[in-house]
Amino acid sequence: MRIHEQYSEGDKVDFSIKVSGLNRELKATGDVVFNGKNSEGVVGTGLKFIFDKETKDFLNKTIPLIIDDKYGAVWGPKICSFMEEGK
């Protein structure tokens, strides 16, 4: 995603994301964590996504179903368990 506005660290940006296959817009706030050059030398604006409750609930319910469908009853739950560790 390209951002043309100037933001400062700590600013908040509200936006919607359309993800192919989900048939739903995901609403989120982006906390600006850097603007300019980050610690790895990348120039740009870095955002940390914070999804609203409705979107977070939808993702928590939908993503495991997609993973189970793609990877099956044995591997799906194992992959989903990694998602729980990251919370």
PDB file of N, CA and C in Angstrom:
ATOM      1  N   MET A   1       0.856  -1.170   0.000  1.00  0.00           N
ATOM      2  CA  MET A   1       0.000   0.000   0.000  1.00  0.00           C
ATOM      3  C   MET A   1       0.902   1.232   0.000  1.00  0.00           C
ATOM      4  N   ARG A   2       0.594   2.183  -0.802  1.00  0.00           N
ATOM      5  CA  ARG A   2       1.345   3.436  -0.859  1.00  0.00           C
ATOM      6  C   ARG A   2       0.565   4.515  -0.109  1.00  0.00           C
ATOM      7  N   ILE A   3       1.304   5.281   0.691  1.00  0.00           N
ATOM      8  CA  ILE A   3       0.722   6.396   1.436  1.00  0.00           C
ATOM      9  C   ILE A   3       1.384   7.663   0.929  1.00  0.00           C
ATOM     10  N   HIS A   4       0.582   8.632   0.526  1.00  0.00           N
ATOM     11  CA  HIS A   4       1.144   9.863  -0.016  1.00  0.00           C
ATOM     12  C   HIS A   4       1.111  11.009   0.997  1.00  0.00           C
ATOM     13  N   GLU A   5       0.349  10.841   2.064  1.00  0.00           N
ATOM     14  CA  GLU A   5       0.300  11.867   3.099  1.00  0.00           C
ATOM     15  C   GLU A   5       1.520  11.729   4.009  1.00  0.00           C
ATOM     16  N   GLN A   6       1.834  12.792   4.694  1.00  0.00           N
ATOM     17  CA  GLN A   6       2.936  12.764   5.652  1.00  0.00           C
ATOM     18  C   GLN A   6       2.390  12.481   7.044  1.00  0.00           C
ATOM     19  N   TYR A   7       2.932  11.487   7.683  1.00  0.00           N
ATOM     20  CA  TYR A   7       2.531  11.129   9.032  1.00  0.00           C
ATOM     21  C   TYR A   7       3.754  11.132   9.940  1.00  0.00           C
ATOM     22  N   SER A   8       3.486  11.294  11.211  1.00  0.00           N
ATOM     23  CA  SER A   8       4.547  11.241  12.210  1.00  0.00           C
ATOM     24  C   SER A   8       4.354  10.009  13.074  1.00  0.00           C
ATOM     25  N   GLU A   9       5.428   9.562  13.670  1.00  0.00           N
ATOM     26  CA  GLU A   9       5.351   8.426  14.583  1.00  0.00           C
ATOM     27  C   GLU A   9       4.309   8.720  15.655  1.00  0.00           C
ATOM     28  N   GLY A  10       3.415   7.750  15.893  1.00  0.00           N
ATOM     29  CA  GLY A  10       2.356   7.908  16.880  1.00  0.00           C
ATOM     30  C   GLY A  10       1.020   8.317  16.284  1.00  0.00           C
ATOM     31  N   ASP A  11       1.009   8.828  15.037  1.00  0.00           N
ATOM     32  CA  ASP A  11      -0.259   9.163  14.378  1.00  0.00           C
ATOM     33  C   ASP A  11      -1.069   7.894  14.146  1.00  0.00           C
ATOM     34  N   LYS A  12      -2.388   8.056  14.002  1.00  0.00           N
ATOM     35  CA  LYS A  12      -3.284   6.944  13.707  1.00  0.00           C
ATOM     36  C   LYS A  12      -3.927   7.177  12.345  1.00  0.00           C
ATOM     37  N   VAL A  13      -4.056   6.102  11.576  1.00  0.00           N
ATOM     38  CA  VAL A  13      -4.643   6.164  10.244  1.00  0.00           C
ATOM     39  C   VAL A  13      -5.758   5.120  10.185  1.00  0.00           C
ATOM     40  N   ASP A  14      -6.986   5.538   9.898  1.00  0.00           N
ATOM     41  CA  ASP A  14      -8.101   4.602   9.764  1.00  0.00           C
ATOM     42  C   ASP A  14      -8.243   4.208   8.299  1.00  0.00           C
ATOM     43  N   PHE A  15      -8.482   2.915   8.045  1.00  0.00           N
ATOM     44  CA  PHE A  15      -8.638   2.465   6.665  1.00  0.00           C
ATOM     45  C   PHE A  15      -9.371   1.138   6.607  1.00  0.00           C
ATOM     46  N   SER A  16      -9.745   0.747   5.402  1.00  0.00           N
ATOM     47  CA  SER A  16     -10.375  -0.545   5.126  1.00  0.00           C
ATOM     48  C   SER A  16      -9.497  -1.304   4.146  1.00  0.00           C
ATOM     49  N   ILE A  17      -9.495  -2.620   4.294  1.00  0.00           N
ATOM     50  CA  ILE A  17      -8.700  -3.486   3.428  1.00  0.00           C
ATOM     51  C   ILE A  17      -9.654  -4.483   2.779  1.00  0.00           C
ATOM     52  N   LYS A  18      -9.539  -4.645   1.471  1.00  0.00           N
ATOM     53  CA  LYS A  18     -10.292  -5.677   0.760  1.00  0.00           C
ATOM     54  C   LYS A  18      -9.342  -6.835   0.499  1.00  0.00           C
ATOM     55  N   VAL A  19      -9.705  -8.017   1.004  1.00  0.00           N
ATOM     56  CA  VAL A  19      -8.881  -9.208   0.827  1.00  0.00           C
ATOM     57  C   VAL A  19      -9.607 -10.155  -0.119  1.00  0.00           C
ATOM     58  N   SER A  20      -8.941 -10.515  -1.190  1.00  0.00           N
ATOM     59  CA  SER A  20      -9.526 -11.426  -2.168  1.00  0.00           C
ATOM     60  C   SER A  20      -9.959 -12.721  -1.486  1.00  0.00           C
ATOM     61  N   GLY A  21     -11.172 -13.139  -1.760  1.00  0.00           N
ATOM     62  CA  GLY A  21     -11.681 -14.397  -1.218  1.00  0.00           C
ATOM     63  C   GLY A  21     -12.431 -14.270   0.086  1.00  0.00           C
ATOM     64  N   LEU A  22     -12.315 -13.150   0.778  1.00  0.00           N
ATOM     65  CA  LEU A  22     -13.039 -12.998   2.043  1.00  0.00           C
ATOM     66  C   LEU A  22     -14.404 -12.338   1.856  1.00  0.00           C
ATOM     67  N   ASN A  23     -14.597 -11.664   0.729  1.00  0.00           N
ATOM     68  CA  ASN A  23     -15.872 -10.996   0.442  1.00  0.00           C
ATOM     69  C   ASN A  23     -16.310 -10.055   1.551  1.00  0.00           C
ATOM     70  N   ARG A  24     -15.358  -9.355   2.122  1.00  0.00           N
ATOM     71  CA  ARG A  24     -15.657  -8.440   3.217  1.00  0.00           C
ATOM     72  C   ARG A  24     -14.526  -7.430   3.349  1.00  0.00           C
ATOM     73  N   GLU A  25     -14.897  -6.196   3.649  1.00  0.00           N
ATOM     74  CA  GLU A  25     -13.870  -5.202   3.961  1.00  0.00           C
ATOM     75  C   GLU A  25     -13.467  -5.357   5.414  1.00  0.00           C
ATOM     76  N   LEU A  26     -12.179  -5.318   5.655  1.00  0.00           N
ATOM     77  CA  LEU A  26     -11.657  -5.396   7.015  1.00  0.00           C
ATOM     78  C   LEU A  26     -11.310  -3.982   7.450  1.00  0.00           C
ATOM     79  N   LYS A  27     -11.825  -3.568   8.591  1.00  0.00           N
ATOM     80  CA  LYS A  27     -11.566  -2.222   9.092  1.00  0.00           C
ATOM     81  C   LYS A  27     -10.459  -2.272  10.136  1.00  0.00           C
ATOM     82  N   ALA A  28      -9.565  -1.311  10.017  1.00  0.00           N
ATOM     83  CA  ALA A  28      -8.433  -1.282  10.936  1.00  0.00           C
ATOM     84  C   ALA A  28      -7.968   0.147  11.154  1.00  0.00           C
ATOM     85  N   THR A  29      -7.200   0.307  12.212  1.00  0.00           N
ATOM     86  CA  THR A  29      -6.464   1.531  12.474  1.00  0.00           C
ATOM     87  C   THR A  29      -5.000   1.167  12.355  1.00  0.00           C
ATOM     88  N   GLY A  30      -4.247   2.030  11.737  1.00  0.00           N
ATOM     89  CA  GLY A  30      -2.814   1.809  11.656  1.00  0.00           C
ATOM     90  C   GLY A  30      -2.112   2.803  12.558  1.00  0.00           C
ATOM     91  N   ASP A  31      -1.347   2.299  13.502  1.00  0.00           N
ATOM     92  CA  ASP A  31      -0.491   3.163  14.315  1.00  0.00           C
ATOM     93  C   ASP A  31       0.811   3.360  13.552  1.00  0.00           C
ATOM     94  N   VAL A  32       1.199   4.595  13.301  1.00  0.00           N
ATOM     95  CA  VAL A  32       2.446   4.867  12.597  1.00  0.00           C
ATOM     96  C   VAL A  32       3.597   4.580  13.559  1.00  0.00           C
ATOM     97  N   VAL A  33       4.409   3.568  13.188  1.00  0.00           N
ATOM     98  CA  VAL A  33       5.537   3.179  14.049  1.00  0.00           C
ATOM     99  C   VAL A  33       6.852   3.767  13.559  1.00  0.00           C
ATOM    100  N   PHE A  34       6.903   4.156  12.273  1.00  0.00           N
ATOM    101  CA  PHE A  34       8.038   4.930  11.791  1.00  0.00           C
ATOM    102  C   PHE A  34       7.627   5.669  10.527  1.00  0.00           C
ATOM    103  N   ASN A  35       8.303   6.747  10.265  1.00  0.00           N
ATOM    104  CA  ASN A  35       8.137   7.490   9.024  1.00  0.00           C
ATOM    105  C   ASN A  35       9.512   8.003   8.639  1.00  0.00           C
ATOM    106  N   GLY A  36       9.938   7.651   7.465  1.00  0.00           N
ATOM    107  CA  GLY A  36      11.292   7.980   7.034  1.00  0.00           C
ATOM    108  C   GLY A  36      12.057   6.700   6.840  1.00  0.00           C
ATOM    109  N   LYS A  37      13.209   6.584   7.445  1.00  0.00           N
ATOM    110  CA  LYS A  37      14.032   5.387   7.319  1.00  0.00           C
ATOM    111  C   LYS A  37      13.951   4.591   8.616  1.00  0.00           C
ATOM    112  N   ASN A  38      13.583   3.304   8.500  1.00  0.00           N
ATOM    113  CA  ASN A  38      13.496   2.479   9.703  1.00  0.00           C
ATOM    114  C   ASN A  38      14.861   1.897  10.055  1.00  0.00           C
ATOM    115  N   SER A  39      14.907   1.057  11.070  1.00  0.00           N
ATOM    116  CA  SER A  39      16.169   0.499  11.560  1.00  0.00           C
ATOM    117  C   SER A  39      16.849  -0.416  10.539  1.00  0.00           C
ATOM    118  N   GLU A  40      16.102  -0.882   9.522  1.00  0.00           N
ATOM    119  CA  GLU A  40      16.676  -1.741   8.486  1.00  0.00           C
ATOM    120  C   GLU A  40      17.041  -0.953   7.225  1.00  0.00           C
ATOM    121  N   GLY A  41      16.881   0.378   7.287  1.00  0.00           N
ATOM    122  CA  GLY A  41      17.240   1.211   6.155  1.00  0.00           C
ATOM    123  C   GLY A  41      16.145   1.387   5.120  1.00  0.00           C
ATOM    124  N   VAL A  42      14.943   0.860   5.395  1.00  0.00           N
ATOM    125  CA  VAL A  42      13.827   0.989   4.463  1.00  0.00           C
ATOM    126  C   VAL A  42      13.188   2.362   4.641  1.00  0.00           C
ATOM    127  N   VAL A  43      12.986   3.077   3.542  1.00  0.00           N
ATOM    128  CA  VAL A  43      12.362   4.391   3.598  1.00  0.00           C
ATOM    129  C   VAL A  43      10.872   4.233   3.325  1.00  0.00           C
ATOM    130  N   GLY A  44      10.041   4.809   4.166  1.00  0.00           N
ATOM    131  CA  GLY A  44       8.595   4.737   3.995  1.00  0.00           C
ATOM    132  C   GLY A  44       7.886   5.023   5.297  1.00  0.00           C
ATOM    133  N   THR A  45       6.654   4.565   5.375  1.00  0.00           N
ATOM    134  CA  THR A  45       5.843   4.713   6.573  1.00  0.00           C
ATOM    135  C   THR A  45       5.467   3.320   7.043  1.00  0.00           C
ATOM    136  N   GLY A  46       5.782   2.997   8.277  1.00  0.00           N
ATOM    137  CA  GLY A  46       5.460   1.690   8.844  1.00  0.00           C
ATOM    138  C   GLY A  46       4.234   1.786   9.721  1.00  0.00           C
ATOM    139  N   LEU A  47       3.294   0.866   9.482  1.00  0.00           N
ATOM    140  CA  LEU A  47       2.056   0.840  10.257  1.00  0.00           C
ATOM    141  C   LEU A  47       1.924  -0.464  11.021  1.00  0.00           C
ATOM    142  N   LYS A  48       1.420  -0.379  12.232  1.00  0.00           N
ATOM    143  CA  LYS A  48       1.038  -1.556  12.997  1.00  0.00           C
ATOM    144  C   LYS A  48      -0.484  -1.601  12.930  1.00  0.00           C
ATOM    145  N   PHE A  49      -1.036  -2.684  12.348  1.00  0.00           N
ATOM    146  CA  PHE A  49      -2.480  -2.794  12.191  1.00  0.00           C
ATOM    147  C   PHE A  49      -3.155  -3.147  13.500  1.00  0.00           C
ATOM    148  N   ILE A  50      -4.242  -2.450  13.794  1.00  0.00           N
ATOM    149  CA  ILE A  50      -5.086  -2.757  14.943  1.00  0.00           C
ATOM    150  C   ILE A  50      -6.505  -2.871  14.401  1.00  0.00           C
ATOM    151  N   PHE A  51      -7.024  -4.105  14.350  1.00  0.00           N
ATOM    152  CA  PHE A  51      -8.353  -4.328  13.800  1.00  0.00           C
ATOM    153  C   PHE A  51      -9.422  -4.032  14.832  1.00  0.00           C
ATOM    154  N   ASP A  52     -10.574  -3.514  14.356  1.00  0.00           N
ATOM    155  CA  ASP A  52     -11.695  -3.292  15.265  1.00  0.00           C
ATOM    156  C   ASP A  52     -12.240  -4.655  15.722  1.00  0.00           C
ATOM    157  N   LYS A  53     -13.045  -4.665  16.771  1.00  0.00           N
ATOM    158  CA  LYS A  53     -13.515  -5.906  17.381  1.00  0.00           C
ATOM    159  C   LYS A  53     -14.273  -6.778  16.380  1.00  0.00           C
ATOM    160  N   GLU A  54     -15.144  -6.179  15.590  1.00  0.00           N
ATOM    161  CA  GLU A  54     -15.939  -6.954  14.633  1.00  0.00           C
ATOM    162  C   GLU A  54     -15.036  -7.647  13.609  1.00  0.00           C
ATOM    163  N   THR A  55     -14.045  -6.935  13.103  1.00  0.00           N
ATOM    164  CA  THR A  55     -13.114  -7.511  12.132  1.00  0.00           C
ATOM    165  C   THR A  55     -12.256  -8.587  12.797  1.00  0.00           C
ATOM    166  N   LYS A  56     -11.773  -8.312  13.998  1.00  0.00           N
ATOM    167  CA  LYS A  56     -10.942  -9.292  14.717  1.00  0.00           C
ATOM    168  C   LYS A  56     -11.725 -10.581  14.976  1.00  0.00           C
ATOM    169  N   ASP A  57     -12.986 -10.454  15.409  1.00  0.00           N
ATOM    170  CA  ASP A  57     -13.824 -11.629  15.644  1.00  0.00           C
ATOM    171  C   ASP A  57     -14.037 -12.411  14.352  1.00  0.00           C
ATOM    172  N   PHE A  58     -14.296 -11.689  13.254  1.00  0.00           N
ATOM    173  CA  PHE A  58     -14.485 -12.331  11.950  1.00  0.00           C
ATOM    174  C   PHE A  58     -13.227 -13.099  11.545  1.00  0.00           C
ATOM    175  N   LEU A  59     -12.068 -12.477  11.669  1.00  0.00           N
ATOM    176  CA  LEU A  59     -10.814 -13.128  11.285  1.00  0.00           C
ATOM    177  C   LEU A  59     -10.508 -14.340  12.164  1.00  0.00           C
ATOM    178  N   ASN A  60     -10.746 -14.207  13.463  1.00  0.00           N
ATOM    179  CA  ASN A  60     -10.484 -15.319  14.384  1.00  0.00           C
ATOM    180  C   ASN A  60     -11.366 -16.518  14.078  1.00  0.00           C
ATOM    181  N   LYS A  61     -12.555 -16.272  13.532  1.00  0.00           N
ATOM    182  CA  LYS A  61     -13.471 -17.351  13.174  1.00  0.00           C
ATOM    183  C   LYS A  61     -13.178 -17.882  11.770  1.00  0.00           C
ATOM    184  N   THR A  62     -12.855 -17.006  10.831  1.00  0.00           N
ATOM    185  CA  THR A  62     -12.743 -17.370   9.420  1.00  0.00           C
ATOM    186  C   THR A  62     -11.396 -17.964   9.042  1.00  0.00           C
ATOM    187  N   ILE A  63     -10.315 -17.401   9.530  1.00  0.00           N
ATOM    188  CA  ILE A  63      -8.984 -17.876   9.126  1.00  0.00           C
ATOM    189  C   ILE A  63      -8.762 -19.348   9.488  1.00  0.00           C
ATOM    190  N   PRO A  64      -9.124 -19.805  10.685  1.00  0.00           N
ATOM    191  CA  PRO A  64      -8.961 -21.242  10.964  1.00  0.00           C
ATOM    192  C   PRO A  64      -9.763 -22.128  10.004  1.00  0.00           C
ATOM    193  N   LEU A  65     -10.947 -21.685   9.583  1.00  0.00           N
ATOM    194  CA  LEU A  65     -11.734 -22.472   8.629  1.00  0.00           C
ATOM    195  C   LEU A  65     -11.027 -22.564   7.280  1.00  0.00           C
ATOM    196  N   ILE A  66     -10.454 -21.453   6.840  1.00  0.00           N
ATOM    197  CA  ILE A  66      -9.721 -21.440   5.571  1.00  0.00           C
ATOM    198  C   ILE A  66      -8.490 -22.349   5.663  1.00  0.00           C
ATOM    199  N   ILE A  67      -7.767 -22.265   6.766  1.00  0.00           N
ATOM    200  CA  ILE A  67      -6.566 -23.089   6.951  1.00  0.00           C
ATOM    201  C   ILE A  67      -6.939 -24.569   7.020  1.00  0.00           C
ATOM    202  N   ASP A  68      -7.989 -24.909   7.778  1.00  0.00           N
ATOM    203  CA  ASP A  68      -8.433 -26.308   7.856  1.00  0.00           C
ATOM    204  C   ASP A  68      -8.843 -26.831   6.490  1.00  0.00           C
ATOM    205  N   ASP A  69      -9.539 -25.980   5.716  1.00  0.00           N
ATOM    206  CA  ASP A  69      -9.981 -26.391   4.387  1.00  0.00           C
ATOM    207  C   ASP A  69      -8.782 -26.651   3.476  1.00  0.00           C
ATOM    208  N   LYS A  70      -7.772 -25.809   3.573  1.00  0.00           N
ATOM    209  CA  LYS A  70      -6.601 -25.940   2.694  1.00  0.00           C
ATOM    210  C   LYS A  70      -5.656 -27.059   3.131  1.00  0.00           C
ATOM    211  N   TYR A  71      -5.449 -27.219   4.448  1.00  0.00           N
ATOM    212  CA  TYR A  71      -4.426 -28.142   4.934  1.00  0.00           C
ATOM    213  C   TYR A  71      -4.980 -29.399   5.601  1.00  0.00           C
ATOM    214  N   GLY A  72      -6.296 -29.478   5.758  1.00  0.00           N
ATOM    215  CA  GLY A  72      -6.911 -30.691   6.281  1.00  0.00           C
ATOM    216  C   GLY A  72      -6.998 -30.753   7.791  1.00  0.00           C
ATOM    217  N   ALA A  73      -7.660 -31.818   8.239  1.00  0.00           N
ATOM    218  CA  ALA A  73      -7.975 -31.980   9.660  1.00  0.00           C
ATOM    219  C   ALA A  73      -6.752 -32.251  10.522  1.00  0.00           C
ATOM    220  N   VAL A  74      -5.661 -32.749   9.931  1.00  0.00           N
ATOM    221  CA  VAL A  74      -4.471 -33.047  10.724  1.00  0.00           C
ATOM    222  C   VAL A  74      -3.579 -31.813  10.836  1.00  0.00           C
ATOM    223  N   TRP A  75      -3.235 -31.211   9.682  1.00  0.00           N
ATOM    224  CA  TRP A  75      -2.300 -30.088   9.692  1.00  0.00           C
ATOM    225  C   TRP A  75      -2.970 -28.759  10.006  1.00  0.00           C
ATOM    226  N   GLY A  76      -4.230 -28.588   9.646  1.00  0.00           N
ATOM    227  CA  GLY A  76      -4.924 -27.325   9.893  1.00  0.00           C
ATOM    228  C   GLY A  76      -4.860 -26.876  11.343  1.00  0.00           C
ATOM    229  N   PRO A  77      -5.280 -27.730  12.293  1.00  0.00           N
ATOM    230  CA  PRO A  77      -5.206 -27.326  13.701  1.00  0.00           C
ATOM    231  C   PRO A  77      -3.785 -27.063  14.197  1.00  0.00           C
ATOM    232  N   LYS A  78      -2.815 -27.794  13.665  1.00  0.00           N
ATOM    233  CA  LYS A  78      -1.424 -27.562  14.073  1.00  0.00           C
ATOM    234  C   LYS A  78      -0.962 -26.173  13.613  1.00  0.00           C
ATOM    235  N   ILE A  79      -1.313 -25.817  12.374  1.00  0.00           N
ATOM    236  CA  ILE A  79      -0.947 -24.494  11.867  1.00  0.00           C
ATOM    237  C   ILE A  79      -1.648 -23.420  12.675  1.00  0.00           C
ATOM    238  N   CYS A  80      -2.934 -23.624  12.974  1.00  0.00           N
ATOM    239  CA  CYS A  80      -3.692 -22.640  13.755  1.00  0.00           C
ATOM    240  C   CYS A  80      -3.123 -22.468  15.154  1.00  0.00           C
ATOM    241  N   SER A  81      -2.526 -23.511  15.706  1.00  0.00           N
ATOM    242  CA  SER A  81      -1.959 -23.396  17.048  1.00  0.00           C
ATOM    243  C   SER A  81      -0.816 -22.379  17.078  1.00  0.00           C
ATOM    244  N   PHE A  82      -0.101 -22.202  15.954  1.00  0.00           N
ATOM    245  CA  PHE A  82       0.948 -21.189  15.887  1.00  0.00           C
ATOM    246  C   PHE A  82       0.353 -19.780  15.960  1.00  0.00           C
ATOM    247  N   MET A  83      -0.841 -19.612  15.421  1.00  0.00           N
ATOM    248  CA  MET A  83      -1.520 -18.309  15.476  1.00  0.00           C
ATOM    249  C   MET A  83      -1.827 -17.950  16.923  1.00  0.00           C
ATOM    250  N   GLU A  84      -2.208 -18.925  17.711  1.00  0.00           N
ATOM    251  CA  GLU A  84      -2.525 -18.689  19.127  1.00  0.00           C
ATOM    252  C   GLU A  84      -1.276 -18.262  19.902  1.00  0.00           C
ATOM    253  N   GLU A  85      -0.126 -18.829  19.550  1.00  0.00           N
ATOM    254  CA  GLU A  85       1.119 -18.498  20.240  1.00  0.00           C
ATOM    255  C   GLU A  85       1.513 -17.052  20.029  1.00  0.00           C
ATOM    256  N   GLY A  86       1.148 -16.458  18.901  1.00  0.00           N
ATOM    257  CA  GLY A  86       1.533 -15.109  18.575  1.00  0.00           C
ATOM    258  C   GLY A  86       0.680 -14.037  19.214  1.00  0.00           C
ATOM    259  N   LYS A  87      -0.369 -14.425  19.903  1.00  0.00           N
ATOM    260  CA  LYS A  87      -1.274 -13.432  20.518  1.00  0.00           C
ATOM    261  C   LYS A  87      -0.663 -12.796  21.737  1.00  0.00           C
TER     262      LYS A  87
END
